Protein backbone atom coordinates (compact mmCIF):
# COMPACT_ATOMS: atom_id res chain seq x y z
CA UNK A 1 0.00 0.00 0.00
CA UNK A 2 1.33 3.42 -0.98
CA UNK A 3 0.78 5.74 1.99
CA UNK A 4 2.11 8.87 0.28
CA UNK A 5 2.10 9.96 -3.34
CA UNK A 6 4.90 12.44 -3.92
CA UNK A 7 4.87 11.62 -7.65
CA UNK A 8 1.52 13.34 -8.19
CA UNK A 9 2.70 16.42 -6.29
CA UNK A 10 5.85 16.47 -8.36
CA UNK A 11 3.97 16.27 -11.67
CA UNK A 12 1.82 19.25 -10.66
CA UNK A 13 4.93 21.36 -9.97
CA UNK A 14 7.35 19.67 -12.37
CA UNK A 15 8.56 22.72 -14.27
CA UNK A 16 9.26 24.75 -11.13
CA UNK A 17 10.86 21.83 -9.29
CA UNK A 18 13.07 20.91 -12.25
CA UNK A 19 14.23 24.51 -12.65
CA UNK A 20 15.17 24.81 -8.98
CA UNK A 21 16.93 21.44 -9.01
CA UNK A 22 18.98 22.50 -12.04
CA UNK A 23 19.98 25.66 -10.19
CA UNK A 24 21.28 23.60 -7.26
CA UNK A 25 23.20 21.32 -9.61
CA UNK A 26 24.72 24.34 -11.33
CA UNK A 27 25.98 26.11 -8.20
CA UNK A 28 26.94 22.83 -6.48
CA UNK A 29 26.12 23.86 -2.91
CA UNK A 30 24.23 20.75 -1.89
CA UNK A 31 24.58 21.42 1.87
CA UNK A 32 23.35 24.73 3.34
CA UNK A 33 23.17 26.40 -0.06
CA UNK A 34 21.30 29.65 -0.72
CA UNK A 35 17.99 27.80 -1.09
CA UNK A 36 18.11 26.88 2.60
CA UNK A 37 18.24 30.50 3.71
CA UNK A 38 15.56 31.38 1.15
CA UNK A 39 13.25 28.69 2.55
CA UNK A 40 13.87 29.82 6.13
CA UNK A 41 13.09 33.44 5.31
CA UNK A 42 9.99 32.69 3.23
CA UNK A 43 8.50 30.33 5.79
CA UNK A 44 9.21 32.77 8.62
CA UNK A 45 7.25 35.38 6.66
CA UNK A 46 4.49 32.89 5.84
CA UNK A 47 4.00 31.63 9.40
CA UNK A 48 4.66 34.91 11.17
CA UNK A 49 7.50 33.40 13.21
CA UNK A 50 10.47 35.63 14.00
CA UNK A 51 12.82 33.00 12.58
CA UNK A 52 12.63 29.55 10.99
CA UNK A 53 15.69 27.35 11.36
CA UNK A 54 16.17 24.22 9.25
CA UNK A 55 17.38 21.08 11.01
CA UNK A 56 17.87 17.44 10.05
CA UNK A 57 14.55 16.05 11.30
CA UNK A 58 11.35 16.81 13.17
CA UNK A 59 12.70 14.57 15.90
CA UNK A 60 15.82 16.73 16.11
CA UNK A 61 13.73 19.91 16.22
CA UNK A 62 11.94 18.59 19.30
CA UNK A 63 15.23 17.47 20.85
CA UNK A 64 16.79 20.91 20.33
CA UNK A 65 13.81 22.58 22.02
CA UNK A 66 14.02 20.26 25.02
CA UNK A 67 17.79 20.74 25.25
CA UNK A 68 17.30 24.51 25.17
CA UNK A 69 15.17 24.08 28.31
CA UNK A 70 18.09 22.21 29.91
CA UNK A 71 15.80 19.27 30.60
CA UNK A 72 17.36 16.83 33.07
CA UNK A 73 16.60 13.42 34.62
CA UNK A 74 13.59 13.57 36.88
CA UNK A 75 11.91 16.42 34.98
CA UNK A 76 8.48 15.88 33.46
CA UNK A 77 6.91 17.02 30.18
CA UNK A 78 3.15 16.87 29.72
CA UNK A 79 2.22 15.55 26.28
CA UNK A 80 -0.14 13.28 24.36
CA UNK A 81 0.11 9.50 23.95
CA UNK A 82 -1.45 9.66 20.48
CA UNK A 83 1.45 10.84 18.34
CA UNK A 84 4.52 9.63 16.51
CA UNK A 85 6.99 7.98 18.88
CA UNK A 86 9.53 10.82 18.53
CA UNK A 87 7.45 13.14 20.72
CA UNK A 88 7.93 11.02 23.84
CA UNK A 89 11.21 9.52 22.65
CA UNK A 90 13.07 12.84 22.85
CA UNK A 91 11.82 13.42 26.39
CA UNK A 92 13.06 10.00 27.47
CA UNK A 93 16.34 10.45 25.61
CA UNK A 94 17.20 13.33 27.93
CA UNK A 95 16.29 11.27 30.99
CA UNK A 96 13.01 13.04 31.65
CA UNK A 97 9.53 11.55 31.97
CA UNK A 98 6.65 12.03 29.52
CA UNK A 99 3.39 12.51 31.39
CA UNK A 100 0.56 11.46 29.11
CA UNK A 101 -2.79 13.24 29.05
CA UNK A 102 -5.71 11.58 27.29
CA UNK A 103 -7.05 12.87 23.97
CA UNK A 104 -10.35 14.36 22.88
CA UNK A 105 -12.78 11.94 21.26
CA UNK A 106 -13.58 14.18 18.30
CA UNK A 107 -10.13 15.55 17.36
CA UNK A 108 -7.75 12.94 18.84
CA UNK A 109 -5.64 15.89 20.05
CA UNK A 110 -4.57 16.26 23.67
CA UNK A 111 -7.52 17.15 25.92
CA UNK A 112 -6.56 20.58 27.24
CA UNK A 113 -9.11 20.34 30.06
CA UNK A 114 -7.07 17.50 31.58
CA UNK A 115 -3.65 19.12 31.40
CA UNK A 116 -3.76 21.14 34.63
CA UNK A 117 -4.30 17.99 36.68
CA UNK A 118 -1.13 16.49 35.19
CA UNK A 119 1.12 19.43 36.13
CA UNK A 120 3.39 18.83 39.14
CA UNK A 121 6.37 20.53 40.73
CA UNK A 122 8.55 18.51 38.34
CA UNK A 123 6.83 19.68 35.15
CA UNK A 124 9.16 21.63 32.86
CA UNK A 125 7.06 22.00 29.70
CA UNK A 126 3.82 21.19 27.90
CA UNK A 127 4.15 19.62 24.45
CA UNK A 128 0.88 19.49 22.47
CA UNK A 129 0.76 17.87 19.02
CA UNK A 130 -1.24 19.03 16.01
CA UNK A 131 -2.71 15.92 14.40
CA UNK A 132 -3.77 15.65 10.76
CA UNK A 133 -3.43 19.40 10.22
CA UNK A 134 -5.58 20.34 13.22
CA UNK A 135 -4.03 22.11 16.21
CA UNK A 136 -4.93 21.31 19.79
CA UNK A 137 -6.73 23.90 21.96
CA UNK A 138 -3.82 26.33 22.07
CA UNK A 139 -5.75 29.03 23.92
CA UNK A 140 -6.41 26.76 26.89
CA UNK A 141 -2.95 25.17 26.72
CA UNK A 142 -1.18 28.53 26.72
CA UNK A 143 -3.38 29.77 29.56
CA UNK A 144 -2.42 26.76 31.68
CA UNK A 145 1.23 27.18 30.73
CA UNK A 146 1.17 30.87 31.69
CA UNK A 147 -0.47 30.12 35.03
CA UNK A 148 2.26 27.61 35.90
CA UNK A 149 5.06 29.55 34.15
CA UNK A 150 5.80 26.70 31.76
CA UNK A 151 7.00 26.90 28.15
CA UNK A 152 4.93 25.28 25.40
CA UNK A 153 6.73 23.20 22.77
CA UNK A 154 4.39 23.02 19.80
CA UNK A 155 4.79 19.81 17.81
CA UNK A 156 3.30 21.16 14.60
CA UNK A 157 4.93 18.57 12.35
CA UNK A 158 1.60 17.69 10.73
CA UNK A 159 0.06 21.15 10.48
CA UNK A 160 2.13 23.37 8.20
CA UNK A 161 -0.24 26.02 6.85
CA UNK A 162 -3.00 25.50 9.40
CA UNK A 163 -4.44 28.37 11.40
CA UNK A 164 -5.84 28.56 14.91
CA UNK A 165 -9.27 30.16 15.31
CA UNK A 166 -7.73 33.61 15.84
CA UNK A 167 -6.00 33.32 12.47
CA UNK A 168 -2.57 32.63 13.93
CA UNK A 169 -0.51 30.03 12.08
CA UNK A 170 0.51 26.85 13.79
CA UNK A 171 4.17 26.80 14.66
CA UNK A 172 3.97 30.25 16.25
CA UNK A 173 1.90 29.55 19.35
CA UNK A 174 4.59 28.14 21.62
CA UNK A 175 8.00 29.10 22.94
CA UNK A 176 9.41 26.49 20.54
CA UNK A 177 7.85 24.63 17.63
CA UNK A 178 8.63 21.94 15.07
CA UNK A 179 7.51 21.37 11.47
CA UNK A 180 8.18 18.30 9.34
CA UNK A 181 8.50 18.07 5.56
CA UNK A 182 8.44 14.27 5.47
CA UNK A 183 6.59 12.78 2.52
CA UNK A 184 3.53 12.04 4.65
CA UNK A 185 3.10 15.61 5.91
CA UNK A 186 0.94 18.47 4.63
CA UNK A 187 3.92 20.11 2.90
CA UNK A 188 6.77 17.92 1.75
CA UNK A 189 10.27 18.23 0.41
CA UNK A 190 10.70 14.47 0.66
CA UNK A 191 12.84 14.70 3.82
CA UNK A 192 13.55 17.82 5.88
CA UNK A 193 12.41 19.58 9.03
CA UNK A 194 12.25 23.04 10.49
CA UNK A 195 11.85 24.70 13.85
CA UNK A 196 9.96 28.03 13.81
CA UNK A 197 11.04 30.20 16.73
CA UNK A 198 8.73 32.97 17.84
CA UNK A 199 11.01 34.06 20.71
CA UNK A 200 14.05 31.84 21.18
CA UNK A 201 16.04 31.69 17.94
CA UNK A 202 19.32 32.87 19.44
CA UNK A 203 19.18 30.28 22.21
CA UNK A 204 18.57 27.46 19.74
CA UNK A 205 21.16 28.62 17.21
CA UNK A 206 23.85 28.82 19.88
C-alpha atoms as a PDB file:
ATOM      1  CA  UNK A   1       0.000   0.000   0.000  1.00  0.00           C
ATOM      2  CA  UNK A   2       1.329   3.421  -0.976  1.00  0.00           C
ATOM      3  CA  UNK A   3       0.778   5.741   1.990  1.00  0.00           C
ATOM      4  CA  UNK A   4       2.105   8.866   0.277  1.00  0.00           C
ATOM      5  CA  UNK A   5       2.102   9.959  -3.341  1.00  0.00           C
ATOM      6  CA  UNK A   6       4.897  12.440  -3.919  1.00  0.00           C
ATOM      7  CA  UNK A   7       4.867  11.623  -7.652  1.00  0.00           C
ATOM      8  CA  UNK A   8       1.518  13.345  -8.186  1.00  0.00           C
ATOM      9  CA  UNK A   9       2.700  16.415  -6.285  1.00  0.00           C
ATOM     10  CA  UNK A  10       5.854  16.469  -8.364  1.00  0.00           C
ATOM     11  CA  UNK A  11       3.970  16.266 -11.666  1.00  0.00           C
ATOM     12  CA  UNK A  12       1.821  19.248 -10.659  1.00  0.00           C
ATOM     13  CA  UNK A  13       4.927  21.357  -9.973  1.00  0.00           C
ATOM     14  CA  UNK A  14       7.348  19.667 -12.367  1.00  0.00           C
ATOM     15  CA  UNK A  15       8.563  22.723 -14.273  1.00  0.00           C
ATOM     16  CA  UNK A  16       9.257  24.750 -11.135  1.00  0.00           C
ATOM     17  CA  UNK A  17      10.860  21.826  -9.287  1.00  0.00           C
ATOM     18  CA  UNK A  18      13.066  20.910 -12.246  1.00  0.00           C
ATOM     19  CA  UNK A  19      14.231  24.510 -12.653  1.00  0.00           C
ATOM     20  CA  UNK A  20      15.168  24.808  -8.981  1.00  0.00           C
ATOM     21  CA  UNK A  21      16.932  21.440  -9.008  1.00  0.00           C
ATOM     22  CA  UNK A  22      18.980  22.498 -12.037  1.00  0.00           C
ATOM     23  CA  UNK A  23      19.981  25.656 -10.195  1.00  0.00           C
ATOM     24  CA  UNK A  24      21.284  23.597  -7.261  1.00  0.00           C
ATOM     25  CA  UNK A  25      23.205  21.316  -9.607  1.00  0.00           C
ATOM     26  CA  UNK A  26      24.715  24.339 -11.328  1.00  0.00           C
ATOM     27  CA  UNK A  27      25.978  26.111  -8.200  1.00  0.00           C
ATOM     28  CA  UNK A  28      26.943  22.829  -6.483  1.00  0.00           C
ATOM     29  CA  UNK A  29      26.120  23.860  -2.912  1.00  0.00           C
ATOM     30  CA  UNK A  30      24.232  20.754  -1.886  1.00  0.00           C
ATOM     31  CA  UNK A  31      24.581  21.424   1.867  1.00  0.00           C
ATOM     32  CA  UNK A  32      23.349  24.728   3.339  1.00  0.00           C
ATOM     33  CA  UNK A  33      23.171  26.396  -0.062  1.00  0.00           C
ATOM     34  CA  UNK A  34      21.299  29.649  -0.719  1.00  0.00           C
ATOM     35  CA  UNK A  35      17.985  27.797  -1.089  1.00  0.00           C
ATOM     36  CA  UNK A  36      18.106  26.877   2.600  1.00  0.00           C
ATOM     37  CA  UNK A  37      18.236  30.505   3.712  1.00  0.00           C
ATOM     38  CA  UNK A  38      15.565  31.375   1.146  1.00  0.00           C
ATOM     39  CA  UNK A  39      13.252  28.690   2.549  1.00  0.00           C
ATOM     40  CA  UNK A  40      13.872  29.818   6.127  1.00  0.00           C
ATOM     41  CA  UNK A  41      13.091  33.441   5.308  1.00  0.00           C
ATOM     42  CA  UNK A  42       9.991  32.694   3.227  1.00  0.00           C
ATOM     43  CA  UNK A  43       8.496  30.332   5.792  1.00  0.00           C
ATOM     44  CA  UNK A  44       9.205  32.767   8.616  1.00  0.00           C
ATOM     45  CA  UNK A  45       7.254  35.384   6.662  1.00  0.00           C
ATOM     46  CA  UNK A  46       4.490  32.892   5.839  1.00  0.00           C
ATOM     47  CA  UNK A  47       3.995  31.635   9.395  1.00  0.00           C
ATOM     48  CA  UNK A  48       4.661  34.909  11.174  1.00  0.00           C
ATOM     49  CA  UNK A  49       7.499  33.404  13.207  1.00  0.00           C
ATOM     50  CA  UNK A  50      10.466  35.633  13.996  1.00  0.00           C
ATOM     51  CA  UNK A  51      12.821  32.997  12.581  1.00  0.00           C
ATOM     52  CA  UNK A  52      12.626  29.555  10.987  1.00  0.00           C
ATOM     53  CA  UNK A  53      15.691  27.351  11.355  1.00  0.00           C
ATOM     54  CA  UNK A  54      16.169  24.220   9.253  1.00  0.00           C
ATOM     55  CA  UNK A  55      17.377  21.083  11.013  1.00  0.00           C
ATOM     56  CA  UNK A  56      17.865  17.440  10.055  1.00  0.00           C
ATOM     57  CA  UNK A  57      14.549  16.052  11.305  1.00  0.00           C
ATOM     58  CA  UNK A  58      11.351  16.815  13.174  1.00  0.00           C
ATOM     59  CA  UNK A  59      12.699  14.572  15.901  1.00  0.00           C
ATOM     60  CA  UNK A  60      15.817  16.731  16.109  1.00  0.00           C
ATOM     61  CA  UNK A  61      13.729  19.911  16.219  1.00  0.00           C
ATOM     62  CA  UNK A  62      11.938  18.589  19.300  1.00  0.00           C
ATOM     63  CA  UNK A  63      15.231  17.474  20.847  1.00  0.00           C
ATOM     64  CA  UNK A  64      16.790  20.911  20.333  1.00  0.00           C
ATOM     65  CA  UNK A  65      13.811  22.584  22.017  1.00  0.00           C
ATOM     66  CA  UNK A  66      14.025  20.264  25.022  1.00  0.00           C
ATOM     67  CA  UNK A  67      17.790  20.738  25.254  1.00  0.00           C
ATOM     68  CA  UNK A  68      17.297  24.514  25.173  1.00  0.00           C
ATOM     69  CA  UNK A  69      15.170  24.085  28.306  1.00  0.00           C
ATOM     70  CA  UNK A  70      18.088  22.212  29.906  1.00  0.00           C
ATOM     71  CA  UNK A  71      15.800  19.265  30.600  1.00  0.00           C
ATOM     72  CA  UNK A  72      17.357  16.828  33.067  1.00  0.00           C
ATOM     73  CA  UNK A  73      16.600  13.423  34.618  1.00  0.00           C
ATOM     74  CA  UNK A  74      13.585  13.568  36.883  1.00  0.00           C
ATOM     75  CA  UNK A  75      11.911  16.415  34.981  1.00  0.00           C
ATOM     76  CA  UNK A  76       8.479  15.882  33.462  1.00  0.00           C
ATOM     77  CA  UNK A  77       6.913  17.021  30.178  1.00  0.00           C
ATOM     78  CA  UNK A  78       3.151  16.870  29.717  1.00  0.00           C
ATOM     79  CA  UNK A  79       2.220  15.547  26.283  1.00  0.00           C
ATOM     80  CA  UNK A  80      -0.140  13.281  24.356  1.00  0.00           C
ATOM     81  CA  UNK A  81       0.111   9.504  23.949  1.00  0.00           C
ATOM     82  CA  UNK A  82      -1.450   9.665  20.483  1.00  0.00           C
ATOM     83  CA  UNK A  83       1.451  10.842  18.339  1.00  0.00           C
ATOM     84  CA  UNK A  84       4.519   9.633  16.507  1.00  0.00           C
ATOM     85  CA  UNK A  85       6.986   7.981  18.884  1.00  0.00           C
ATOM     86  CA  UNK A  86       9.526  10.822  18.526  1.00  0.00           C
ATOM     87  CA  UNK A  87       7.450  13.141  20.719  1.00  0.00           C
ATOM     88  CA  UNK A  88       7.928  11.018  23.835  1.00  0.00           C
ATOM     89  CA  UNK A  89      11.212   9.522  22.654  1.00  0.00           C
ATOM     90  CA  UNK A  90      13.075  12.836  22.854  1.00  0.00           C
ATOM     91  CA  UNK A  91      11.825  13.424  26.387  1.00  0.00           C
ATOM     92  CA  UNK A  92      13.059  10.002  27.470  1.00  0.00           C
ATOM     93  CA  UNK A  93      16.344  10.448  25.609  1.00  0.00           C
ATOM     94  CA  UNK A  94      17.199  13.325  27.932  1.00  0.00           C
ATOM     95  CA  UNK A  95      16.289  11.266  30.987  1.00  0.00           C
ATOM     96  CA  UNK A  96      13.007  13.041  31.652  1.00  0.00           C
ATOM     97  CA  UNK A  97       9.532  11.547  31.970  1.00  0.00           C
ATOM     98  CA  UNK A  98       6.647  12.033  29.519  1.00  0.00           C
ATOM     99  CA  UNK A  99       3.388  12.515  31.395  1.00  0.00           C
ATOM    100  CA  UNK A 100       0.561  11.464  29.112  1.00  0.00           C
ATOM    101  CA  UNK A 101      -2.785  13.239  29.050  1.00  0.00           C
ATOM    102  CA  UNK A 102      -5.710  11.579  27.288  1.00  0.00           C
ATOM    103  CA  UNK A 103      -7.049  12.872  23.973  1.00  0.00           C
ATOM    104  CA  UNK A 104     -10.345  14.363  22.876  1.00  0.00           C
ATOM    105  CA  UNK A 105     -12.779  11.943  21.263  1.00  0.00           C
ATOM    106  CA  UNK A 106     -13.580  14.178  18.295  1.00  0.00           C
ATOM    107  CA  UNK A 107     -10.134  15.551  17.361  1.00  0.00           C
ATOM    108  CA  UNK A 108      -7.750  12.936  18.844  1.00  0.00           C
ATOM    109  CA  UNK A 109      -5.645  15.887  20.050  1.00  0.00           C
ATOM    110  CA  UNK A 110      -4.568  16.257  23.668  1.00  0.00           C
ATOM    111  CA  UNK A 111      -7.520  17.155  25.917  1.00  0.00           C
ATOM    112  CA  UNK A 112      -6.562  20.584  27.241  1.00  0.00           C
ATOM    113  CA  UNK A 113      -9.111  20.342  30.058  1.00  0.00           C
ATOM    114  CA  UNK A 114      -7.074  17.495  31.583  1.00  0.00           C
ATOM    115  CA  UNK A 115      -3.653  19.122  31.398  1.00  0.00           C
ATOM    116  CA  UNK A 116      -3.759  21.135  34.633  1.00  0.00           C
ATOM    117  CA  UNK A 117      -4.300  17.985  36.680  1.00  0.00           C
ATOM    118  CA  UNK A 118      -1.126  16.494  35.187  1.00  0.00           C
ATOM    119  CA  UNK A 119       1.117  19.431  36.132  1.00  0.00           C
ATOM    120  CA  UNK A 120       3.388  18.826  39.137  1.00  0.00           C
ATOM    121  CA  UNK A 121       6.368  20.529  40.734  1.00  0.00           C
ATOM    122  CA  UNK A 122       8.554  18.514  38.340  1.00  0.00           C
ATOM    123  CA  UNK A 123       6.828  19.677  35.148  1.00  0.00           C
ATOM    124  CA  UNK A 124       9.165  21.630  32.862  1.00  0.00           C
ATOM    125  CA  UNK A 125       7.056  22.001  29.698  1.00  0.00           C
ATOM    126  CA  UNK A 126       3.821  21.190  27.901  1.00  0.00           C
ATOM    127  CA  UNK A 127       4.146  19.617  24.452  1.00  0.00           C
ATOM    128  CA  UNK A 128       0.876  19.492  22.467  1.00  0.00           C
ATOM    129  CA  UNK A 129       0.764  17.865  19.024  1.00  0.00           C
ATOM    130  CA  UNK A 130      -1.245  19.034  16.007  1.00  0.00           C
ATOM    131  CA  UNK A 131      -2.710  15.924  14.397  1.00  0.00           C
ATOM    132  CA  UNK A 132      -3.769  15.652  10.760  1.00  0.00           C
ATOM    133  CA  UNK A 133      -3.427  19.404  10.220  1.00  0.00           C
ATOM    134  CA  UNK A 134      -5.580  20.336  13.215  1.00  0.00           C
ATOM    135  CA  UNK A 135      -4.035  22.115  16.209  1.00  0.00           C
ATOM    136  CA  UNK A 136      -4.926  21.308  19.790  1.00  0.00           C
ATOM    137  CA  UNK A 137      -6.729  23.902  21.958  1.00  0.00           C
ATOM    138  CA  UNK A 138      -3.818  26.332  22.069  1.00  0.00           C
ATOM    139  CA  UNK A 139      -5.753  29.031  23.922  1.00  0.00           C
ATOM    140  CA  UNK A 140      -6.407  26.756  26.885  1.00  0.00           C
ATOM    141  CA  UNK A 141      -2.952  25.173  26.723  1.00  0.00           C
ATOM    142  CA  UNK A 142      -1.182  28.525  26.719  1.00  0.00           C
ATOM    143  CA  UNK A 143      -3.378  29.773  29.559  1.00  0.00           C
ATOM    144  CA  UNK A 144      -2.422  26.761  31.684  1.00  0.00           C
ATOM    145  CA  UNK A 145       1.229  27.184  30.732  1.00  0.00           C
ATOM    146  CA  UNK A 146       1.166  30.869  31.693  1.00  0.00           C
ATOM    147  CA  UNK A 147      -0.471  30.123  35.033  1.00  0.00           C
ATOM    148  CA  UNK A 148       2.255  27.607  35.904  1.00  0.00           C
ATOM    149  CA  UNK A 149       5.063  29.545  34.151  1.00  0.00           C
ATOM    150  CA  UNK A 150       5.796  26.696  31.762  1.00  0.00           C
ATOM    151  CA  UNK A 151       7.003  26.897  28.154  1.00  0.00           C
ATOM    152  CA  UNK A 152       4.932  25.279  25.399  1.00  0.00           C
ATOM    153  CA  UNK A 153       6.728  23.195  22.773  1.00  0.00           C
ATOM    154  CA  UNK A 154       4.385  23.023  19.798  1.00  0.00           C
ATOM    155  CA  UNK A 155       4.793  19.807  17.815  1.00  0.00           C
ATOM    156  CA  UNK A 156       3.296  21.158  14.603  1.00  0.00           C
ATOM    157  CA  UNK A 157       4.926  18.572  12.353  1.00  0.00           C
ATOM    158  CA  UNK A 158       1.599  17.687  10.730  1.00  0.00           C
ATOM    159  CA  UNK A 159       0.059  21.146  10.480  1.00  0.00           C
ATOM    160  CA  UNK A 160       2.132  23.371   8.202  1.00  0.00           C
ATOM    161  CA  UNK A 161      -0.242  26.021   6.846  1.00  0.00           C
ATOM    162  CA  UNK A 162      -2.997  25.497   9.398  1.00  0.00           C
ATOM    163  CA  UNK A 163      -4.438  28.374  11.395  1.00  0.00           C
ATOM    164  CA  UNK A 164      -5.837  28.559  14.906  1.00  0.00           C
ATOM    165  CA  UNK A 165      -9.274  30.158  15.313  1.00  0.00           C
ATOM    166  CA  UNK A 166      -7.727  33.613  15.842  1.00  0.00           C
ATOM    167  CA  UNK A 167      -6.000  33.317  12.467  1.00  0.00           C
ATOM    168  CA  UNK A 168      -2.566  32.634  13.932  1.00  0.00           C
ATOM    169  CA  UNK A 169      -0.513  30.034  12.077  1.00  0.00           C
ATOM    170  CA  UNK A 170       0.514  26.850  13.790  1.00  0.00           C
ATOM    171  CA  UNK A 171       4.172  26.799  14.661  1.00  0.00           C
ATOM    172  CA  UNK A 172       3.967  30.255  16.250  1.00  0.00           C
ATOM    173  CA  UNK A 173       1.904  29.550  19.354  1.00  0.00           C
ATOM    174  CA  UNK A 174       4.589  28.140  21.618  1.00  0.00           C
ATOM    175  CA  UNK A 175       8.004  29.100  22.941  1.00  0.00           C
ATOM    176  CA  UNK A 176       9.413  26.492  20.539  1.00  0.00           C
ATOM    177  CA  UNK A 177       7.850  24.631  17.627  1.00  0.00           C
ATOM    178  CA  UNK A 178       8.632  21.940  15.071  1.00  0.00           C
ATOM    179  CA  UNK A 179       7.510  21.366  11.474  1.00  0.00           C
ATOM    180  CA  UNK A 180       8.176  18.298   9.344  1.00  0.00           C
ATOM    181  CA  UNK A 181       8.496  18.071   5.557  1.00  0.00           C
ATOM    182  CA  UNK A 182       8.436  14.272   5.474  1.00  0.00           C
ATOM    183  CA  UNK A 183       6.594  12.777   2.525  1.00  0.00           C
ATOM    184  CA  UNK A 184       3.534  12.036   4.648  1.00  0.00           C
ATOM    185  CA  UNK A 185       3.104  15.608   5.914  1.00  0.00           C
ATOM    186  CA  UNK A 186       0.942  18.470   4.628  1.00  0.00           C
ATOM    187  CA  UNK A 187       3.925  20.111   2.901  1.00  0.00           C
ATOM    188  CA  UNK A 188       6.765  17.917   1.749  1.00  0.00           C
ATOM    189  CA  UNK A 189      10.269  18.233   0.406  1.00  0.00           C
ATOM    190  CA  UNK A 190      10.705  14.474   0.659  1.00  0.00           C
ATOM    191  CA  UNK A 191      12.841  14.696   3.817  1.00  0.00           C
ATOM    192  CA  UNK A 192      13.552  17.821   5.878  1.00  0.00           C
ATOM    193  CA  UNK A 193      12.408  19.579   9.034  1.00  0.00           C
ATOM    194  CA  UNK A 194      12.253  23.044  10.491  1.00  0.00           C
ATOM    195  CA  UNK A 195      11.853  24.700  13.849  1.00  0.00           C
ATOM    196  CA  UNK A 196       9.957  28.027  13.814  1.00  0.00           C
ATOM    197  CA  UNK A 197      11.043  30.196  16.727  1.00  0.00           C
ATOM    198  CA  UNK A 198       8.730  32.975  17.841  1.00  0.00           C
ATOM    199  CA  UNK A 199      11.011  34.056  20.705  1.00  0.00           C
ATOM    200  CA  UNK A 200      14.053  31.843  21.179  1.00  0.00           C
ATOM    201  CA  UNK A 201      16.041  31.693  17.936  1.00  0.00           C
ATOM    202  CA  UNK A 202      19.316  32.873  19.444  1.00  0.00           C
ATOM    203  CA  UNK A 203      19.176  30.281  22.209  1.00  0.00           C
ATOM    204  CA  UNK A 204      18.570  27.464  19.742  1.00  0.00           C
ATOM    205  CA  UNK A 205      21.156  28.623  17.211  1.00  0.00           C
ATOM    206  CA  UNK A 206      23.854  28.821  19.879  1.00  0.00           C
END
